Amino acid sequence: MNKFSLLFTNCKVGGVTIEQVFRRLIPFFIVTAVILLLVTFIPALSLTLPQMLDLIK
């Protein structure tokens, strides 16, 4: 069973439409995409902690 079939099943049980669920999830998708872009294009964000712990130099 994949994630989409679970989404459709839960929407049916909860009595809501897919559109209502996705409308509420859009802010989370946007934040996730922005964080992914920041970590991808600004390497210092993902390398700060390993440098602080002397794991990389």
N, C-alpha and C. Protein backbone atom coordinates (compact mmCIF):
# COMPACT_ATOMS: atom_id res chain seq x y z
N MET A 1 0.85 -1.18 0.00
CA MET A 1 0.00 0.00 0.00
C MET A 1 0.89 1.24 0.00
N ASN A 2 0.67 2.12 -0.92
CA ASN A 2 1.51 3.31 -0.99
C ASN A 2 0.87 4.47 -0.24
N LYS A 3 1.60 5.57 -0.16
CA LYS A 3 1.15 6.72 0.62
C LYS A 3 -0.10 7.36 0.05
N PHE A 4 -0.24 7.36 -1.27
CA PHE A 4 -1.39 8.00 -1.87
C PHE A 4 -2.68 7.24 -1.59
N SER A 5 -2.61 5.91 -1.61
CA SER A 5 -3.82 5.16 -1.31
C SER A 5 -4.21 5.35 0.15
N LEU A 6 -3.23 5.51 1.03
CA LEU A 6 -3.54 5.81 2.42
C LEU A 6 -4.19 7.19 2.55
N LEU A 7 -3.72 8.14 1.77
CA LEU A 7 -4.31 9.48 1.80
C LEU A 7 -5.77 9.43 1.35
N PHE A 8 -6.05 8.74 0.28
CA PHE A 8 -7.42 8.64 -0.21
C PHE A 8 -8.30 7.91 0.80
N THR A 9 -7.79 6.85 1.40
CA THR A 9 -8.56 6.10 2.39
C THR A 9 -8.87 6.96 3.61
N ASN A 10 -7.86 7.68 4.10
CA ASN A 10 -8.08 8.52 5.27
C ASN A 10 -9.05 9.66 4.98
N CYS A 11 -9.00 10.20 3.78
CA CYS A 11 -9.94 11.25 3.40
C CYS A 11 -11.37 10.71 3.38
N LYS A 12 -11.52 9.51 2.87
CA LYS A 12 -12.86 8.90 2.81
C LYS A 12 -13.39 8.63 4.23
N VAL A 13 -12.54 8.10 5.09
CA VAL A 13 -12.95 7.81 6.47
C VAL A 13 -13.24 9.11 7.23
N GLY A 14 -12.41 10.13 7.00
CA GLY A 14 -12.59 11.40 7.69
C GLY A 14 -13.67 12.28 7.12
N GLY A 15 -14.19 11.94 5.96
CA GLY A 15 -15.25 12.71 5.35
C GLY A 15 -14.80 14.05 4.80
N VAL A 16 -13.55 14.12 4.35
CA VAL A 16 -13.03 15.35 3.75
C VAL A 16 -12.59 15.04 2.33
N THR A 17 -12.43 16.10 1.54
CA THR A 17 -11.98 15.90 0.17
C THR A 17 -10.45 16.02 0.10
N ILE A 18 -9.92 15.50 -0.97
CA ILE A 18 -8.47 15.59 -1.19
C ILE A 18 -8.05 17.06 -1.30
N GLU A 19 -8.89 17.87 -1.94
CA GLU A 19 -8.58 19.29 -2.09
C GLU A 19 -8.45 19.99 -0.75
N GLN A 20 -9.33 19.65 0.20
CA GLN A 20 -9.25 20.26 1.53
C GLN A 20 -7.95 19.88 2.23
N VAL A 21 -7.54 18.64 2.07
CA VAL A 21 -6.31 18.17 2.71
C VAL A 21 -5.10 18.85 2.08
N PHE A 22 -5.04 18.90 0.76
CA PHE A 22 -3.90 19.51 0.09
C PHE A 22 -3.81 21.00 0.36
N ARG A 23 -4.97 21.66 0.47
CA ARG A 23 -4.97 23.09 0.76
C ARG A 23 -4.31 23.35 2.12
N ARG A 24 -4.53 22.48 3.07
CA ARG A 24 -3.92 22.64 4.39
C ARG A 24 -2.44 22.24 4.40
N LEU A 25 -2.02 21.39 3.47
CA LEU A 25 -0.64 20.92 3.42
C LEU A 25 0.29 21.82 2.62
N ILE A 26 -0.26 22.71 1.80
CA ILE A 26 0.57 23.57 0.94
C ILE A 26 1.63 24.35 1.72
N PRO A 27 1.31 24.96 2.88
CA PRO A 27 2.37 25.67 3.61
C PRO A 27 3.53 24.76 4.03
N PHE A 28 3.24 23.53 4.39
CA PHE A 28 4.30 22.60 4.77
C PHE A 28 5.17 22.25 3.57
N PHE A 29 4.56 22.07 2.39
CA PHE A 29 5.32 21.79 1.19
C PHE A 29 6.23 22.96 0.83
N ILE A 30 5.72 24.17 0.97
CA ILE A 30 6.51 25.36 0.65
C ILE A 30 7.71 25.48 1.59
N VAL A 31 7.48 25.31 2.88
CA VAL A 31 8.57 25.40 3.86
C VAL A 31 9.61 24.31 3.60
N THR A 32 9.17 23.11 3.29
CA THR A 32 10.10 22.02 3.00
C THR A 32 10.94 22.33 1.76
N ALA A 33 10.32 22.88 0.73
CA ALA A 33 11.06 23.22 -0.49
C ALA A 33 12.07 24.33 -0.24
N VAL A 34 11.70 25.34 0.56
CA VAL A 34 12.62 26.44 0.86
C VAL A 34 13.81 25.92 1.66
N ILE A 35 13.57 25.08 2.65
CA ILE A 35 14.66 24.52 3.45
C ILE A 35 15.58 23.67 2.58
N LEU A 36 15.00 22.87 1.70
CA LEU A 36 15.81 22.06 0.79
C LEU A 36 16.68 22.92 -0.10
N LEU A 37 16.13 24.00 -0.64
CA LEU A 37 16.91 24.90 -1.49
C LEU A 37 18.02 25.59 -0.70
N LEU A 38 17.73 26.01 0.52
CA LEU A 38 18.75 26.66 1.35
C LEU A 38 19.91 25.72 1.65
N VAL A 39 19.59 24.52 2.07
CA VAL A 39 20.65 23.56 2.41
C VAL A 39 21.43 23.15 1.17
N THR A 40 20.77 23.09 0.02
CA THR A 40 21.44 22.70 -1.21
C THR A 40 22.39 23.77 -1.71
N PHE A 41 21.95 25.02 -1.70
CA PHE A 41 22.73 26.07 -2.32
C PHE A 41 23.58 26.90 -1.35
N ILE A 42 23.44 26.67 -0.05
CA ILE A 42 24.29 27.33 0.95
C ILE A 42 24.92 26.22 1.80
N PRO A 43 26.06 25.70 1.36
CA PRO A 43 26.67 24.55 2.03
C PRO A 43 27.02 24.80 3.49
N ALA A 44 27.27 26.03 3.87
CA ALA A 44 27.62 26.31 5.26
C ALA A 44 26.51 25.90 6.22
N LEU A 45 25.27 25.92 5.77
CA LEU A 45 24.16 25.54 6.63
C LEU A 45 24.23 24.07 7.04
N SER A 46 24.62 23.23 6.11
CA SER A 46 24.67 21.80 6.43
C SER A 46 26.03 21.36 6.95
N LEU A 47 27.05 22.20 6.85
CA LEU A 47 28.39 21.81 7.29
C LEU A 47 28.79 22.42 8.64
N THR A 48 27.98 23.29 9.19
CA THR A 48 28.34 23.97 10.43
C THR A 48 28.48 22.99 11.59
N LEU A 49 27.50 22.15 11.79
CA LEU A 49 27.54 21.22 12.92
C LEU A 49 28.70 20.23 12.81
N PRO A 50 28.93 19.58 11.67
CA PRO A 50 30.09 18.69 11.58
C PRO A 50 31.43 19.42 11.82
N GLN A 51 31.52 20.69 11.38
CA GLN A 51 32.75 21.45 11.64
C GLN A 51 32.90 21.77 13.12
N MET A 52 31.81 22.07 13.79
CA MET A 52 31.87 22.36 15.23
C MET A 52 32.30 21.13 16.02
N LEU A 53 31.95 19.94 15.55
CA LEU A 53 32.30 18.70 16.23
C LEU A 53 33.62 18.12 15.75
N ASP A 54 34.35 18.88 14.94
CA ASP A 54 35.62 18.45 14.37
C ASP A 54 35.53 17.15 13.57
N LEU A 55 34.44 16.96 12.92
CA LEU A 55 34.28 15.77 12.08
C LEU A 55 34.86 16.01 10.69
N ILE A 56 34.89 17.28 10.27
CA ILE A 56 35.51 17.65 9.00
C ILE A 56 36.34 18.91 9.26
N LYS A 57 37.28 19.15 8.38
CA LYS A 57 38.13 20.33 8.56
C LYS A 57 38.10 21.18 7.33
